[in-house]
């Protein structure tokens, strides 16, 4: 069970890093901030929940 949890955390962190590389993290930040405001894990959680509503492109 611990292994499954560790793999889920790793995959959500990777999803957050991929979203940040694609520039999708800009919609989570205030427009006056230039540094990361949410951890990669929290960004991964947000974008995992938003996957069904995202456009294909």
Protein backbone atom coordinates (compact mmCIF):
# COMPACT_ATOMS: atom_id res chain seq x y z
CA UNK A 1 0.00 0.00 0.00
CA UNK A 2 2.87 2.35 0.77
CA UNK A 3 4.39 1.63 -2.63
CA UNK A 4 1.14 2.57 -4.39
CA UNK A 5 0.98 5.80 -2.41
CA UNK A 6 4.58 6.66 -3.24
CA UNK A 7 3.97 5.99 -6.94
CA UNK A 8 0.86 8.20 -6.91
CA UNK A 9 2.78 11.07 -5.30
CA UNK A 10 5.58 10.69 -7.85
CA UNK A 11 3.16 10.67 -10.80
CA UNK A 12 1.25 13.71 -9.55
CA UNK A 13 4.54 15.56 -9.05
CA UNK A 14 5.59 14.66 -12.61
CA UNK A 15 2.23 15.88 -13.92
CA UNK A 16 2.74 19.17 -12.08
CA UNK A 17 6.24 19.52 -13.53
CA UNK A 18 4.96 18.78 -17.05
CA UNK A 19 2.20 21.36 -16.67
CA UNK A 20 4.73 23.91 -15.45
CA UNK A 21 6.98 23.22 -18.45
CA UNK A 22 3.99 23.68 -20.75
CA UNK A 23 3.19 27.02 -19.13
CA UNK A 24 -0.14 25.95 -17.67
CA UNK A 25 0.91 27.01 -14.18
CA UNK A 26 0.33 30.66 -15.13
CA UNK A 27 -3.41 30.29 -14.51
CA UNK A 28 -2.73 29.26 -10.89
CA UNK A 29 -0.55 32.25 -10.04
CA UNK A 30 -1.32 35.87 -9.42
CA UNK A 31 -0.14 38.10 -12.24
CA UNK A 32 2.32 39.95 -9.98
CA UNK A 33 4.24 36.86 -8.85
CA UNK A 34 7.23 35.55 -10.79
CA UNK A 35 8.09 32.55 -8.61
CA UNK A 36 6.22 29.29 -8.01
CA UNK A 37 3.31 29.75 -5.62
CA UNK A 38 2.08 26.14 -5.52
CA UNK A 39 4.17 23.00 -5.14
CA UNK A 40 4.49 20.66 -8.10
CA UNK A 41 2.42 18.10 -6.20
CA UNK A 42 -0.45 20.57 -5.68
CA UNK A 43 -0.27 21.61 -9.33
CA UNK A 44 -0.45 17.93 -10.30
CA UNK A 45 -3.54 17.46 -8.13
CA UNK A 46 -5.21 20.47 -9.74
CA UNK A 47 -4.45 19.42 -13.31
CA UNK A 48 -5.37 15.78 -12.65
CA UNK A 49 -8.79 16.94 -11.51
CA UNK A 50 -9.08 19.23 -14.53
CA UNK A 51 -8.11 16.60 -17.13
CA UNK A 52 -11.68 15.56 -18.07
CA UNK A 53 -12.63 19.17 -18.88
CA UNK A 54 -9.47 20.11 -20.82
CA UNK A 55 -9.49 20.61 -24.55
CA UNK A 56 -7.62 18.12 -26.76
CA UNK A 57 -5.11 20.58 -28.15
